[in-house]
Amino acid sequence: LRVAFTRIRRKLQDAGLEGGVISAYSGVGYIL
């Protein structure tokens, strides 16, 4: 998950979407 979401975040940022759009909740999961 860490690898995949790192790539997703990078692509979103490259498209101009800044900020913490996707966040990781330690020990729980991910949120958009």
PDB file of all heavy atoms in Angstrom:
ATOM      1  N   LEU A   1       0.820  -1.206   0.000  1.00  0.00           N
ATOM      2  CA  LEU A   1       0.000   0.000   0.000  1.00  0.00           C
ATOM      3  C   LEU A   1       0.855   1.258   0.000  1.00  0.00           C
ATOM      4  O   LEU A   1       0.551   2.223  -0.707  1.00  0.00           O
ATOM      5  CB  LEU A   1      -0.934   0.003   1.211  1.00  0.00           C
ATOM      6  CG  LEU A   1      -2.007  -1.088   1.255  1.00  0.00           C
ATOM      7  CD1 LEU A   1      -2.751  -1.041   2.588  1.00  0.00           C
ATOM      8  CD2 LEU A   1      -2.980  -0.938   0.104  1.00  0.00           C
ATOM      9  N   ARG A   2       1.932   1.252   0.790  1.00  0.00           N
ATOM     10  CA  ARG A   2       2.793   2.429   0.844  1.00  0.00           C
ATOM     11  C   ARG A   2       3.371   2.748  -0.531  1.00  0.00           C
ATOM     12  O   ARG A   2       3.398   3.909  -0.953  1.00  0.00           O
ATOM     13  CB  ARG A   2       3.914   2.221   1.865  1.00  0.00           C
ATOM     14  CG  ARG A   2       3.448   2.313   3.309  1.00  0.00           C
ATOM     15  CD  ARG A   2       4.621   2.434   4.261  1.00  0.00           C
ATOM     16  NE  ARG A   2       5.372   1.185   4.351  1.00  0.00           N
ATOM     17  CZ  ARG A   2       5.114   0.240   5.248  1.00  0.00           C
ATOM     18  NH1 ARG A   2       4.134   0.407   6.124  1.00  0.00           N
ATOM     19  NH2 ARG A   2       5.848  -0.851   5.291  1.00  0.00           N
ATOM     20  N   VAL A   3       3.840   1.725  -1.226  1.00  0.00           N
ATOM     21  CA  VAL A   3       4.417   1.931  -2.554  1.00  0.00           C
ATOM     22  C   VAL A   3       3.367   2.464  -3.516  1.00  0.00           C
ATOM     23  O   VAL A   3       3.595   3.441  -4.242  1.00  0.00           O
ATOM     24  CB  VAL A   3       5.011   0.612  -3.093  1.00  0.00           C
ATOM     25  CG1 VAL A   3       5.347   0.738  -4.577  1.00  0.00           C
ATOM     26  CG2 VAL A   3       6.261   0.237  -2.314  1.00  0.00           C
ATOM     27  N   ALA A   4       2.188   1.830  -3.529  1.00  0.00           N
ATOM     28  CA  ALA A   4       1.145   2.220  -4.483  1.00  0.00           C
ATOM     29  C   ALA A   4       0.641   3.633  -4.228  1.00  0.00           C
ATOM     30  O   ALA A   4       0.483   4.435  -5.156  1.00  0.00           O
ATOM     31  CB  ALA A   4      -0.015   1.224  -4.428  1.00  0.00           C
ATOM     32  N   PHE A   5       0.388   3.976  -2.960  1.00  0.00           N
ATOM     33  CA  PHE A   5      -0.145   5.303  -2.664  1.00  0.00           C
ATOM     34  C   PHE A   5       0.906   6.396  -2.857  1.00  0.00           C
ATOM     35  O   PHE A   5       0.561   7.542  -3.165  1.00  0.00           O
ATOM     36  CB  PHE A   5      -0.735   5.351  -1.261  1.00  0.00           C
ATOM     37  CG  PHE A   5      -2.128   4.783  -1.184  1.00  0.00           C
ATOM     38  CD1 PHE A   5      -2.403   3.640  -0.457  1.00  0.00           C
ATOM     39  CD2 PHE A   5      -3.162   5.399  -1.870  1.00  0.00           C
ATOM     40  CE1 PHE A   5      -3.682   3.110  -0.407  1.00  0.00           C
ATOM     41  CE2 PHE A   5      -4.454   4.880  -1.823  1.00  0.00           C
ATOM     42  CZ  PHE A   5      -4.710   3.734  -1.094  1.00  0.00           C
ATOM     43  N   THR A   6       2.173   6.074  -2.694  1.00  0.00           N
ATOM     44  CA  THR A   6       3.229   7.041  -3.016  1.00  0.00           C
ATOM     45  C   THR A   6       3.177   7.406  -4.490  1.00  0.00           C
ATOM     46  O   THR A   6       3.279   8.581  -4.868  1.00  0.00           O
ATOM     47  CB  THR A   6       4.610   6.475  -2.666  1.00  0.00           C
ATOM     48  OG1 THR A   6       4.707   6.285  -1.247  1.00  0.00           O
ATOM     49  CG2 THR A   6       5.714   7.424  -3.117  1.00  0.00           C
ATOM     50  N   ARG A   7       2.981   6.401  -5.338  1.00  0.00           N
ATOM     51  CA  ARG A   7       2.897   6.648  -6.773  1.00  0.00           C
ATOM     52  C   ARG A   7       1.632   7.439  -7.132  1.00  0.00           C
ATOM     53  O   ARG A   7       1.661   8.341  -7.968  1.00  0.00           O
ATOM     54  CB  ARG A   7       2.933   5.314  -7.531  1.00  0.00           C
ATOM     55  CG  ARG A   7       4.265   4.593  -7.429  1.00  0.00           C
ATOM     56  CD  ARG A   7       4.170   3.174  -7.985  1.00  0.00           C
ATOM     57  NE  ARG A   7       3.898   3.194  -9.416  1.00  0.00           N
ATOM     58  CZ  ARG A   7       4.846   3.158 -10.349  1.00  0.00           C
ATOM     59  NH1 ARG A   7       6.132   3.138 -10.007  1.00  0.00           N
ATOM     60  NH2 ARG A   7       4.532   3.146 -11.634  1.00  0.00           N
ATOM     61  N   ILE A   8       0.511   7.098  -6.498  1.00  0.00           N
ATOM     62  CA  ILE A   8      -0.743   7.810  -6.769  1.00  0.00           C
ATOM     63  C   ILE A   8      -0.610   9.275  -6.372  1.00  0.00           C
ATOM     64  O   ILE A   8      -0.995  10.185  -7.131  1.00  0.00           O
ATOM     65  CB  ILE A   8      -1.914   7.150  -6.017  1.00  0.00           C
ATOM     66  CG1 ILE A   8      -2.181   5.745  -6.575  1.00  0.00           C
ATOM     67  CG2 ILE A   8      -3.177   8.014  -6.127  1.00  0.00           C
ATOM     68  CD1 ILE A   8      -3.154   4.937  -5.731  1.00  0.00           C
ATOM     69  N   ARG A   9      -0.082   9.536  -5.175  1.00  0.00           N
ATOM     70  CA  ARG A   9       0.079  10.918  -4.718  1.00  0.00           C
ATOM     71  C   ARG A   9       0.956  11.714  -5.675  1.00  0.00           C
ATOM     72  O   ARG A   9       0.668  12.877  -5.986  1.00  0.00           O
ATOM     73  CB  ARG A   9       0.695  10.936  -3.316  1.00  0.00           C
ATOM     74  CG  ARG A   9      -0.218  10.464  -2.195  1.00  0.00           C
ATOM     75  CD  ARG A   9       0.444  10.764  -0.865  1.00  0.00           C
ATOM     76  NE  ARG A   9      -0.288  10.255   0.272  1.00  0.00           N
ATOM     77  CZ  ARG A   9       0.057   9.172   0.957  1.00  0.00           C
ATOM     78  NH1 ARG A   9       1.116   8.464   0.587  1.00  0.00           N
ATOM     79  NH2 ARG A   9      -0.661   8.770   2.000  1.00  0.00           N
ATOM     80  N   ARG A  10       2.040  11.095  -6.132  1.00  0.00           N
ATOM     81  CA  ARG A  10       2.956  11.788  -7.037  1.00  0.00           C
ATOM     82  C   ARG A  10       2.253  12.173  -8.335  1.00  0.00           C
ATOM     83  O   ARG A  10       2.434  13.286  -8.857  1.00  0.00           O
ATOM     84  CB  ARG A  10       4.160  10.890  -7.333  1.00  0.00           C
ATOM     85  CG  ARG A  10       5.248  11.565  -8.174  1.00  0.00           C
ATOM     86  CD  ARG A  10       6.355  10.588  -8.512  1.00  0.00           C
ATOM     87  NE  ARG A  10       6.867   9.933  -7.309  1.00  0.00           N
ATOM     88  CZ  ARG A  10       6.969   8.613  -7.173  1.00  0.00           C
ATOM     89  NH1 ARG A  10       6.577   7.808  -8.143  1.00  0.00           N
ATOM     90  NH2 ARG A  10       7.466   8.109  -6.074  1.00  0.00           N
ATOM     91  N   LYS A  11       1.427  11.273  -8.865  1.00  0.00           N
ATOM     92  CA  LYS A  11       0.724  11.556 -10.114  1.00  0.00           C
ATOM     93  C   LYS A  11      -0.325  12.648  -9.925  1.00  0.00           C
ATOM     94  O   LYS A  11      -0.512  13.496 -10.809  1.00  0.00           O
ATOM     95  CB  LYS A  11       0.089  10.277 -10.657  1.00  0.00           C
ATOM     96  CG  LYS A  11       1.118   9.255 -11.127  1.00  0.00           C
ATOM     97  CD  LYS A  11       0.482   7.949 -11.587  1.00  0.00           C
ATOM     98  CE  LYS A  11       1.558   6.943 -11.998  1.00  0.00           C
ATOM     99  NZ  LYS A  11       0.973   5.667 -12.459  1.00  0.00           N
ATOM    100  N   LEU A  12      -1.006  12.643  -8.783  1.00  0.00           N
ATOM    101  CA  LEU A  12      -1.980  13.702  -8.500  1.00  0.00           C
ATOM    102  C   LEU A  12      -1.284  15.059  -8.377  1.00  0.00           C
ATOM    103  O   LEU A  12      -1.770  16.073  -8.897  1.00  0.00           O
ATOM    104  CB  LEU A  12      -2.749  13.381  -7.223  1.00  0.00           C
ATOM    105  CG  LEU A  12      -3.697  12.173  -7.268  1.00  0.00           C
ATOM    106  CD1 LEU A  12      -4.260  11.902  -5.876  1.00  0.00           C
ATOM    107  CD2 LEU A  12      -4.823  12.393  -8.259  1.00  0.00           C
ATOM    108  N   GLN A  13      -0.154  15.074  -7.704  1.00  0.00           N
ATOM    109  CA  GLN A  13       0.588  16.321  -7.543  1.00  0.00           C
ATOM    110  C   GLN A  13       1.135  16.813  -8.881  1.00  0.00           C
ATOM    111  O   GLN A  13       1.127  18.015  -9.158  1.00  0.00           O
ATOM    112  CB  GLN A  13       1.718  16.125  -6.539  1.00  0.00           C
ATOM    113  CG  GLN A  13       1.212  15.936  -5.112  1.00  0.00           C
ATOM    114  CD  GLN A  13       2.312  15.547  -4.143  1.00  0.00           C
ATOM    115  OE1 GLN A  13       3.442  15.287  -4.547  1.00  0.00           O
ATOM    116  NE2 GLN A  13       1.984  15.506  -2.859  1.00  0.00           N
ATOM    117  N   ASP A  14       1.599  15.897  -9.714  1.00  0.00           N
ATOM    118  CA  ASP A  14       2.097  16.271 -11.039  1.00  0.00           C
ATOM    119  C   ASP A  14       0.993  16.892 -11.891  1.00  0.00           C
ATOM    120  O   ASP A  14       1.269  17.692 -12.800  1.00  0.00           O
ATOM    121  CB  ASP A  14       2.685  15.064 -11.767  1.00  0.00           C
ATOM    122  CG  ASP A  14       4.011  14.598 -11.171  1.00  0.00           C
ATOM    123  OD1 ASP A  14       4.607  15.371 -10.385  1.00  0.00           O
ATOM    124  OD2 ASP A  14       4.448  13.474 -11.478  1.00  0.00           O
ATOM    125  N   ALA A  15      -0.267  16.502 -11.598  1.00  0.00           N
ATOM    126  CA  ALA A  15      -1.408  17.056 -12.344  1.00  0.00           C
ATOM    127  C   ALA A  15      -1.910  18.368 -11.735  1.00  0.00           C
ATOM    128  O   ALA A  15      -2.896  18.926 -12.206  1.00  0.00           O
ATOM    129  CB  ALA A  15      -2.542  16.037 -12.399  1.00  0.00           C
ATOM    130  N   GLY A  16      -1.248  18.838 -10.667  1.00  0.00           N
ATOM    131  CA  GLY A  16      -1.591  20.129 -10.103  1.00  0.00           C
ATOM    132  C   GLY A  16      -2.459  20.105  -8.868  1.00  0.00           C
ATOM    133  O   GLY A  16      -2.895  21.155  -8.394  1.00  0.00           O
ATOM    134  N   LEU A  17      -2.731  18.916  -8.309  1.00  0.00           N
ATOM    135  CA  LEU A  17      -3.558  18.835  -7.102  1.00  0.00           C
ATOM    136  C   LEU A  17      -2.635  18.807  -5.885  1.00  0.00           C
ATOM    137  O   LEU A  17      -2.000  17.806  -5.591  1.00  0.00           O
ATOM    138  CB  LEU A  17      -4.431  17.581  -7.137  1.00  0.00           C
ATOM    139  CG  LEU A  17      -5.523  17.478  -6.069  1.00  0.00           C
ATOM    140  CD1 LEU A  17      -6.494  18.640  -6.177  1.00  0.00           C
ATOM    141  CD2 LEU A  17      -6.271  16.168  -6.199  1.00  0.00           C
ATOM    142  N   GLU A  18      -2.560  19.921  -5.186  1.00  0.00           N
ATOM    143  CA  GLU A  18      -1.632  20.041  -4.071  1.00  0.00           C
ATOM    144  C   GLU A  18      -2.303  19.689  -2.745  1.00  0.00           C
ATOM    145  O   GLU A  18      -3.522  19.670  -2.633  1.00  0.00           O
ATOM    146  CB  GLU A  18      -1.077  21.472  -4.001  1.00  0.00           C
ATOM    147  CG  GLU A  18      -0.334  21.906  -5.255  1.00  0.00           C
ATOM    148  CD  GLU A  18       0.912  21.087  -5.515  1.00  0.00           C
ATOM    149  OE1 GLU A  18       1.465  20.530  -4.538  1.00  0.00           O
ATOM    150  OE2 GLU A  18       1.328  20.998  -6.680  1.00  0.00           O
ATOM    151  N   GLY A  19      -1.475  19.460  -1.743  1.00  0.00           N
ATOM    152  CA  GLY A  19      -2.004  19.221  -0.406  1.00  0.00           C
ATOM    153  C   GLY A  19      -2.170  17.742  -0.096  1.00  0.00           C
ATOM    154  O   GLY A  19      -1.962  16.870  -0.926  1.00  0.00           O
ATOM    155  N   GLY A  20      -2.598  17.473   1.144  1.00  0.00           N
ATOM    156  CA  GLY A  20      -2.748  16.092   1.590  1.00  0.00           C
ATOM    157  C   GLY A  20      -4.082  15.511   1.188  1.00  0.00           C
ATOM    158  O   GLY A  20      -4.956  15.286   2.031  1.00  0.00           O
ATOM    159  N   VAL A  21      -4.242  15.238  -0.098  1.00  0.00           N
ATOM    160  CA  VAL A  21      -5.503  14.688  -0.604  1.00  0.00           C
ATOM    161  C   VAL A  21      -5.733  13.279  -0.069  1.00  0.00           C
ATOM    162  O   VAL A  21      -6.839  12.906   0.308  1.00  0.00           O
ATOM    163  CB  VAL A  21      -5.523  14.689  -2.147  1.00  0.00           C
ATOM    164  CG1 VAL A  21      -6.827  14.112  -2.667  1.00  0.00           C
ATOM    165  CG2 VAL A  21      -5.320  16.092  -2.678  1.00  0.00           C
ATOM    166  N   ILE A  22      -4.676  12.475  -0.053  1.00  0.00           N
ATOM    167  CA  ILE A  22      -4.752  11.117   0.481  1.00  0.00           C
ATOM    168  C   ILE A  22      -3.888  11.046   1.728  1.00  0.00           C
ATOM    169  O   ILE A  22      -2.704  11.393   1.690  1.00  0.00           O
ATOM    170  CB  ILE A  22      -4.283  10.075  -0.546  1.00  0.00           C
ATOM    171  CG1 ILE A  22      -5.201  10.082  -1.774  1.00  0.00           C
ATOM    172  CG2 ILE A  22      -4.242   8.677   0.080  1.00  0.00           C
ATOM    173  CD1 ILE A  22      -4.748   9.149  -2.887  1.00  0.00           C
ATOM    174  N   SER A  23      -4.479  10.609   2.824  1.00  0.00           N
ATOM    175  CA  SER A  23      -3.749  10.526   4.089  1.00  0.00           C
ATOM    176  C   SER A  23      -3.740   9.095   4.598  1.00  0.00           C
ATOM    177  O   SER A  23      -4.697   8.339   4.389  1.00  0.00           O
ATOM    178  CB  SER A  23      -4.386  11.437   5.145  1.00  0.00           C
ATOM    179  OG  SER A  23      -4.381  12.783   4.725  1.00  0.00           O
ATOM    180  N   ALA A  24      -2.650   8.741   5.272  1.00  0.00           N
ATOM    181  CA  ALA A  24      -2.540   7.433   5.909  1.00  0.00           C
ATOM    182  C   ALA A  24      -2.819   7.579   7.398  1.00  0.00           C
ATOM    183  O   ALA A  24      -2.255   8.460   8.053  1.00  0.00           O
ATOM    184  CB  ALA A  24      -1.145   6.861   5.692  1.00  0.00           C
ATOM    185  N   TYR A  25      -3.715   6.746   7.911  1.00  0.00           N
ATOM    186  CA  TYR A  25      -3.969   6.681   9.341  1.00  0.00           C
ATOM    187  C   TYR A  25      -3.177   5.501   9.880  1.00  0.00           C
ATOM    188  O   TYR A  25      -3.500   4.346   9.600  1.00  0.00           O
ATOM    189  CB  TYR A  25      -5.459   6.510   9.631  1.00  0.00           C
ATOM    190  CG  TYR A  25      -6.229   7.816   9.636  1.00  0.00           C
ATOM    191  CD1 TYR A  25      -6.329   8.600   8.488  1.00  0.00           C
ATOM    192  CD2 TYR A  25      -6.838   8.265  10.797  1.00  0.00           C
ATOM    193  CE1 TYR A  25      -7.024   9.803   8.500  1.00  0.00           C
ATOM    194  CE2 TYR A  25      -7.547   9.467  10.820  1.00  0.00           C
ATOM    195  CZ  TYR A  25      -7.628  10.226   9.658  1.00  0.00           C
ATOM    196  OH  TYR A  25      -8.308  11.409   9.671  1.00  0.00           O
ATOM    197  N   SER A  26      -2.114   5.793  10.633  1.00  0.00           N
ATOM    198  CA  SER A  26      -1.191   4.763  11.098  1.00  0.00           C
ATOM    199  C   SER A  26      -1.927   3.631  11.808  1.00  0.00           C
ATOM    200  O   SER A  26      -2.700   3.865  12.747  1.00  0.00           O
ATOM    201  CB  SER A  26      -0.152   5.378  12.030  1.00  0.00           C
ATOM    202  OG  SER A  26       0.754   4.400  12.487  1.00  0.00           O
ATOM    203  N   GLY A  27      -1.686   2.422  11.326  1.00  0.00           N
ATOM    204  CA  GLY A  27      -2.286   1.249  11.938  1.00  0.00           C
ATOM    205  C   GLY A  27      -3.734   1.022  11.583  1.00  0.00           C
ATOM    206  O   GLY A  27      -4.343   0.054  12.049  1.00  0.00           O
ATOM    207  N   VAL A  28      -4.311   1.900  10.740  1.00  0.00           N
ATOM    208  CA  VAL A  28      -5.740   1.779  10.420  1.00  0.00           C
ATOM    209  C   VAL A  28      -5.971   1.621   8.925  1.00  0.00           C
ATOM    210  O   VAL A  28      -6.449   0.588   8.456  1.00  0.00           O
ATOM    211  CB  VAL A  28      -6.535   3.005  10.939  1.00  0.00           C
ATOM    212  CG1 VAL A  28      -8.016   2.838  10.620  1.00  0.00           C
ATOM    213  CG2 VAL A  28      -6.317   3.187  12.435  1.00  0.00           C
ATOM    214  N   GLY A  29      -5.658   2.661   8.148  1.00  0.00           N
ATOM    215  CA  GLY A  29      -5.932   2.594   6.718  1.00  0.00           C
ATOM    216  C   GLY A  29      -5.639   3.907   6.021  1.00  0.00           C
ATOM    217  O   GLY A  29      -4.804   4.694   6.490  1.00  0.00           O
ATOM    218  N   TYR A  30      -6.350   4.157   4.929  1.00  0.00           N
ATOM    219  CA  TYR A  30      -6.143   5.361   4.120  1.00  0.00           C
ATOM    220  C   TYR A  30      -7.478   6.073   3.902  1.00  0.00           C
ATOM    221  O   TYR A  30      -8.536   5.447   3.881  1.00  0.00           O
ATOM    222  CB  TYR A  30      -5.530   5.006   2.764  1.00  0.00           C
ATOM    223  CG  TYR A  30      -4.072   4.619   2.844  1.00  0.00           C
ATOM    224  CD1 TYR A  30      -3.695   3.323   3.200  1.00  0.00           C
ATOM    225  CD2 TYR A  30      -3.067   5.546   2.574  1.00  0.00           C
ATOM    226  CE1 TYR A  30      -2.353   2.971   3.295  1.00  0.00           C
ATOM    227  CE2 TYR A  30      -1.729   5.200   2.666  1.00  0.00           C
ATOM    228  CZ  TYR A  30      -1.372   3.919   3.020  1.00  0.00           C
ATOM    229  OH  TYR A  30      -0.049   3.572   3.112  1.00  0.00           O
ATOM    230  N   ILE A  31      -7.387   7.407   3.722  1.00  0.00           N
ATOM    231  CA  ILE A  31      -8.582   8.219   3.510  1.00  0.00           C
ATOM    232  C   ILE A  31      -8.324   9.218   2.396  1.00  0.00           C
ATOM    233  O   ILE A  31      -7.230   9.785   2.292  1.00  0.00           O
ATOM    234  CB  ILE A  31      -8.985   8.946   4.811  1.00  0.00           C
ATOM    235  CG1 ILE A  31     -10.281   9.737   4.613  1.00  0.00           C
ATOM    236  CG2 ILE A  31      -7.864   9.848   5.300  1.00  0.00           C
ATOM    237  CD1 ILE A  31     -10.821  10.339   5.920  1.00  0.00           C
ATOM    238  N   LEU A  32      -9.312   9.417   1.547  1.00  0.00           N
ATOM    239  CA  LEU A  32      -9.293  10.455   0.528  1.00  0.00           C
ATOM    240  C   LEU A  32     -10.128  11.616   1.025  1.00  0.00           C
ATOM    241  O   LEU A  32     -11.290  11.441   1.397  1.00  0.00           O
ATOM    242  CB  LEU A  32      -9.860   9.928  -0.801  1.00  0.00           C
ATOM    243  CG  LEU A  32     -10.027  10.963  -1.920  1.00  0.00           C
ATOM    244  CD1 LEU A  32      -8.671  11.442  -2.423  1.00  0.00           C
ATOM    245  CD2 LEU A  32     -10.832  10.363  -3.077  1.00  0.00           C
TER     246      LEU A  32
END
